[in-house]
Amino acid sequence: MRISVQSEDFELAQVLKGFGKAPNTGATVSFTGLVRDDTGTLDHMEIEHYPGMCEAAISKIAEEAATRWSLTDCLVIHRYGQLRPGDQIMMVATAARHRVEAFEAAEYLMDYLKSRAPFWKKEVTREGADWVAAKEADEDALKRW
């Protein structure tokens, strides 16, 4: 299992090299999230975190996924700092004996990272800046787990 909270971008092929190579792995799933501009006015997003606490919280979420779905490998990368529309913001990768477990674990990680990982996001537009509030839909997504 590997957790990384970092400011620098990542090269998907490089971080996935060697991922999920355990002999009992039958499936790998990866998801990469991008900064999106829903309104056409986003200049950039500023993402802040509390070092140490953030990595510990993500590790706990990843360990829960690894146990629940018997993962053979797990990778979480989340970026912080100033990110522009189209920039990679995060990724998760899971490996398991079967595809259903790999997909479900990846979805679980994405849902919990969105709602429970201690990141604070500010959207900066031409009109000003606003902190991103929690969304009810994100909280609702956790109910299925």
C-alpha atoms as a PDB file:
ATOM      1  CA  MET A   1       0.000   0.000   0.000  1.00  0.00           C
ATOM      2  CA  ARG A   2       1.292   3.452  -0.895  1.00  0.00           C
ATOM      3  CA  ILE A   3      -0.151   6.822   0.126  1.00  0.00           C
ATOM      4  CA  SER A   4       1.245  10.097  -1.185  1.00  0.00           C
ATOM      5  CA  VAL A   5       0.068  13.642  -0.491  1.00  0.00           C
ATOM      6  CA  GLN A   6       2.130  15.857  -2.748  1.00  0.00           C
ATOM      7  CA  SER A   7       2.241  19.177  -4.555  1.00  0.00           C
ATOM      8  CA  GLU A   8       3.923  17.886  -7.701  1.00  0.00           C
ATOM      9  CA  ASP A   9       2.074  16.296 -10.585  1.00  0.00           C
ATOM     10  CA  PHE A  10       2.398  12.567 -11.235  1.00  0.00           C
ATOM     11  CA  GLU A  11       2.916  10.508 -14.373  1.00  0.00           C
ATOM     12  CA  LEU A  12       0.223   7.830 -14.414  1.00  0.00           C
ATOM     13  CA  ALA A  13       2.261   5.205 -16.274  1.00  0.00           C
ATOM     14  CA  GLN A  14       5.196   5.703 -13.924  1.00  0.00           C
ATOM     15  CA  VAL A  15       3.230   5.422 -10.674  1.00  0.00           C
ATOM     16  CA  LEU A  16       1.388   2.341 -11.923  1.00  0.00           C
ATOM     17  CA  LYS A  17       4.564   0.575 -13.073  1.00  0.00           C
ATOM     18  CA  GLY A  18       4.861  -2.541 -10.960  1.00  0.00           C
ATOM     19  CA  PHE A  19       1.463  -1.978  -9.332  1.00  0.00           C
ATOM     20  CA  GLY A  20      -0.679  -5.057  -8.645  1.00  0.00           C
ATOM     21  CA  LYS A  21       1.990  -7.618  -9.511  1.00  0.00           C
ATOM     22  CA  ALA A  22       1.251 -10.033  -6.665  1.00  0.00           C
ATOM     23  CA  PRO A  23       0.755 -13.558  -8.051  1.00  0.00           C
ATOM     24  CA  ASN A  24      -2.830 -13.750  -6.755  1.00  0.00           C
ATOM     25  CA  THR A  25      -3.902 -10.463  -8.412  1.00  0.00           C
ATOM     26  CA  GLY A  26      -6.557 -10.935 -11.076  1.00  0.00           C
ATOM     27  CA  ALA A  27      -7.691  -7.329 -11.590  1.00  0.00           C
ATOM     28  CA  THR A  28      -6.474  -3.766 -11.217  1.00  0.00           C
ATOM     29  CA  VAL A  29      -8.540  -0.601 -11.352  1.00  0.00           C
ATOM     30  CA  SER A  30      -7.312   2.980 -11.456  1.00  0.00           C
ATOM     31  CA  PHE A  31      -9.128   6.292 -11.375  1.00  0.00           C
ATOM     32  CA  THR A  32      -7.659   9.741 -11.903  1.00  0.00           C
ATOM     33  CA  GLY A  33      -9.578  12.855 -10.870  1.00  0.00           C
ATOM     34  CA  LEU A  34      -9.069  16.167 -12.686  1.00  0.00           C
ATOM     35  CA  VAL A  35      -9.809  19.737 -11.668  1.00  0.00           C
ATOM     36  CA  ARG A  36     -12.931  20.724 -13.578  1.00  0.00           C
ATOM     37  CA  ASP A  37     -14.414  24.095 -14.362  1.00  0.00           C
ATOM     38  CA  ASP A  38     -18.199  23.764 -14.230  1.00  0.00           C
ATOM     39  CA  THR A  39     -18.870  27.485 -14.730  1.00  0.00           C
ATOM     40  CA  GLY A  40     -16.191  28.484 -17.222  1.00  0.00           C
ATOM     41  CA  THR A  41     -14.799  31.045 -14.756  1.00  0.00           C
ATOM     42  CA  LEU A  42     -12.365  28.984 -12.658  1.00  0.00           C
ATOM     43  CA  ASP A  43      -8.811  30.304 -12.755  1.00  0.00           C
ATOM     44  CA  HIS A  44      -7.436  27.792 -10.273  1.00  0.00           C
ATOM     45  CA  MET A  45      -8.195  25.798  -7.161  1.00  0.00           C
ATOM     46  CA  GLU A  46      -6.144  26.068  -3.987  1.00  0.00           C
ATOM     47  CA  ILE A  47      -6.015  22.866  -1.976  1.00  0.00           C
ATOM     48  CA  GLU A  48      -4.747  22.922   1.595  1.00  0.00           C
ATOM     49  CA  HIS A  49      -4.133  20.062   3.999  1.00  0.00           C
ATOM     50  CA  TYR A  50      -2.760  19.429   7.465  1.00  0.00           C
ATOM     51  CA  PRO A  51       0.491  17.448   6.977  1.00  0.00           C
ATOM     52  CA  GLY A  52       0.654  14.254   8.976  1.00  0.00           C
ATOM     53  CA  MET A  53      -3.026  14.232   9.870  1.00  0.00           C
ATOM     54  CA  CYS A  54      -4.016  14.026   6.223  1.00  0.00           C
ATOM     55  CA  GLU A  55      -1.750  11.060   5.432  1.00  0.00           C
ATOM     56  CA  ALA A  56      -2.922   9.247   8.572  1.00  0.00           C
ATOM     57  CA  ALA A  57      -6.586   9.723   7.648  1.00  0.00           C
ATOM     58  CA  ILE A  58      -6.028   8.494   4.087  1.00  0.00           C
ATOM     59  CA  SER A  59      -4.018   5.516   5.346  1.00  0.00           C
ATOM     60  CA  LYS A  60      -6.883   4.537   7.641  1.00  0.00           C
ATOM     61  CA  ILE A  61      -9.382   4.713   4.752  1.00  0.00           C
ATOM     62  CA  ALA A  62      -7.053   2.685   2.515  1.00  0.00           C
ATOM     63  CA  GLU A  63      -6.462   0.064   5.225  1.00  0.00           C
ATOM     64  CA  GLU A  64     -10.226  -0.327   5.672  1.00  0.00           C
ATOM     65  CA  ALA A  65     -10.614  -0.861   1.907  1.00  0.00           C
ATOM     66  CA  ALA A  66      -7.704  -3.310   1.806  1.00  0.00           C
ATOM     67  CA  THR A  67      -9.229  -5.378   4.588  1.00  0.00           C
ATOM     68  CA  ARG A  68     -12.829  -5.237   3.384  1.00  0.00           C
ATOM     69  CA  TRP A  69     -12.029  -6.243  -0.220  1.00  0.00           C
ATOM     70  CA  SER A  70      -8.879  -8.343   0.404  1.00  0.00           C
ATOM     71  CA  LEU A  71      -6.805  -6.066  -1.803  1.00  0.00           C
ATOM     72  CA  THR A  72      -3.433  -7.277  -2.987  1.00  0.00           C
ATOM     73  CA  ASP A  73      -2.276  -3.683  -3.568  1.00  0.00           C
ATOM     74  CA  CYS A  74      -3.558  -0.147  -3.042  1.00  0.00           C
ATOM     75  CA  LEU A  75      -2.295   3.278  -4.128  1.00  0.00           C
ATOM     76  CA  VAL A  76      -3.647   6.732  -3.294  1.00  0.00           C
ATOM     77  CA  ILE A  77      -2.157  10.011  -4.514  1.00  0.00           C
ATOM     78  CA  HIS A  78      -3.722  13.360  -3.673  1.00  0.00           C
ATOM     79  CA  ARG A  79      -2.246  16.699  -4.631  1.00  0.00           C
ATOM     80  CA  TYR A  80      -2.308  20.011  -2.807  1.00  0.00           C
ATOM     81  CA  GLY A  81      -1.355  23.537  -3.773  1.00  0.00           C
ATOM     82  CA  GLN A  82      -2.527  25.593  -6.732  1.00  0.00           C
ATOM     83  CA  LEU A  83      -4.143  23.498  -9.475  1.00  0.00           C
ATOM     84  CA  ARG A  84      -5.672  24.687 -12.736  1.00  0.00           C
ATOM     85  CA  PRO A  85      -8.601  23.211 -14.689  1.00  0.00           C
ATOM     86  CA  GLY A  86      -7.519  19.969 -16.325  1.00  0.00           C
ATOM     87  CA  ASP A  87      -4.739  19.289 -13.787  1.00  0.00           C
ATOM     88  CA  GLN A  88      -4.665  15.913 -12.091  1.00  0.00           C
ATOM     89  CA  ILE A  89      -5.859  16.291  -8.520  1.00  0.00           C
ATOM     90  CA  MET A  90      -5.860  12.700  -7.266  1.00  0.00           C
ATOM     91  CA  MET A  91      -5.772   9.058  -8.179  1.00  0.00           C
ATOM     92  CA  VAL A  92      -6.584   5.735  -6.625  1.00  0.00           C
ATOM     93  CA  ALA A  93      -5.557   2.306  -7.792  1.00  0.00           C
ATOM     94  CA  THR A  94      -6.665  -1.002  -6.367  1.00  0.00           C
ATOM     95  CA  ALA A  95      -5.651  -4.577  -7.062  1.00  0.00           C
ATOM     96  CA  ALA A  96      -7.586  -7.660  -6.010  1.00  0.00           C
ATOM     97  CA  ARG A  97      -8.170 -11.291  -6.956  1.00  0.00           C
ATOM     98  CA  HIS A  98     -11.368 -10.370  -8.827  1.00  0.00           C
ATOM     99  CA  ARG A  99     -12.605  -7.297 -10.717  1.00  0.00           C
ATOM    100  CA  VAL A 100     -15.694  -6.691  -8.556  1.00  0.00           C
ATOM    101  CA  GLU A 101     -13.546  -6.277  -5.440  1.00  0.00           C
ATOM    102  CA  ALA A 102     -11.086  -3.989  -7.258  1.00  0.00           C
ATOM    103  CA  PHE A 103     -13.882  -1.770  -8.645  1.00  0.00           C
ATOM    104  CA  GLU A 104     -15.805  -1.587  -5.359  1.00  0.00           C
ATOM    105  CA  ALA A 105     -12.687  -0.787  -3.346  1.00  0.00           C
ATOM    106  CA  ALA A 106     -11.750   1.996  -5.789  1.00  0.00           C
ATOM    107  CA  GLU A 107     -15.254   3.496  -5.553  1.00  0.00           C
ATOM    108  CA  TYR A 108     -15.148   3.277  -1.759  1.00  0.00           C
ATOM    109  CA  LEU A 109     -11.806   5.063  -1.676  1.00  0.00           C
ATOM    110  CA  MET A 110     -13.028   7.807  -4.005  1.00  0.00           C
ATOM    111  CA  ASP A 111     -16.211   8.364  -1.977  1.00  0.00           C
ATOM    112  CA  TYR A 112     -14.361   8.508   1.324  1.00  0.00           C
ATOM    113  CA  LEU A 113     -11.536  10.687   0.003  1.00  0.00           C
ATOM    114  CA  LYS A 114     -14.088  13.174  -1.315  1.00  0.00           C
ATOM    115  CA  SER A 115     -15.913  13.438   2.019  1.00  0.00           C
ATOM    116  CA  ARG A 116     -13.546  12.422   4.805  1.00  0.00           C
ATOM    117  CA  ALA A 117      -9.956  13.213   3.841  1.00  0.00           C
ATOM    118  CA  PRO A 118      -8.930  16.482   5.531  1.00  0.00           C
ATOM    119  CA  PHE A 119      -8.438  18.744   2.520  1.00  0.00           C
ATOM    120  CA  TRP A 120      -9.766  22.280   2.170  1.00  0.00           C
ATOM    121  CA  LYS A 121     -10.491  23.559  -1.336  1.00  0.00           C
ATOM    122  CA  LYS A 122     -10.843  27.135  -2.467  1.00  0.00           C
ATOM    123  CA  GLU A 123     -12.031  28.012  -5.973  1.00  0.00           C
ATOM    124  CA  VAL A 124     -10.475  31.180  -7.369  1.00  0.00           C
ATOM    125  CA  THR A 125     -12.334  32.843 -10.255  1.00  0.00           C
ATOM    126  CA  ARG A 126     -12.213  36.202 -11.995  1.00  0.00           C
ATOM    127  CA  GLU A 127     -14.951  37.319  -9.575  1.00  0.00           C
ATOM    128  CA  GLY A 128     -13.164  36.305  -6.380  1.00  0.00           C
ATOM    129  CA  ALA A 129     -12.524  33.246  -4.216  1.00  0.00           C
ATOM    130  CA  ASP A 130     -14.809  30.891  -2.287  1.00  0.00           C
ATOM    131  CA  TRP A 131     -14.184  27.845  -0.129  1.00  0.00           C
ATOM    132  CA  VAL A 132     -15.860  24.726  -1.505  1.00  0.00           C
ATOM    133  CA  ALA A 133     -18.639  23.530   0.811  1.00  0.00           C
ATOM    134  CA  ALA A 134     -19.464  19.896   1.476  1.00  0.00           C
ATOM    135  CA  LYS A 135     -22.137  18.550  -0.847  1.00  0.00           C
ATOM    136  CA  GLU A 136     -25.115  16.509   0.242  1.00  0.00           C
ATOM    137  CA  ALA A 137     -24.629  14.164  -2.723  1.00  0.00           C
ATOM    138  CA  ASP A 138     -21.124  13.308  -1.480  1.00  0.00           C
ATOM    139  CA  GLU A 139     -22.473  12.484   1.966  1.00  0.00           C
ATOM    140  CA  ASP A 140     -25.269  10.416   0.400  1.00  0.00           C
ATOM    141  CA  ALA A 141     -22.669   8.416  -1.550  1.00  0.00           C
ATOM    142  CA  LEU A 142     -21.185   7.190   1.730  1.00  0.00           C
ATOM    143  CA  LYS A 143     -24.464   5.580   2.784  1.00  0.00           C
ATOM    144  CA  ARG A 144     -24.034   2.671   0.410  1.00  0.00           C
ATOM    145  CA  TRP A 145     -20.904   1.574   2.243  1.00  0.00           C
END
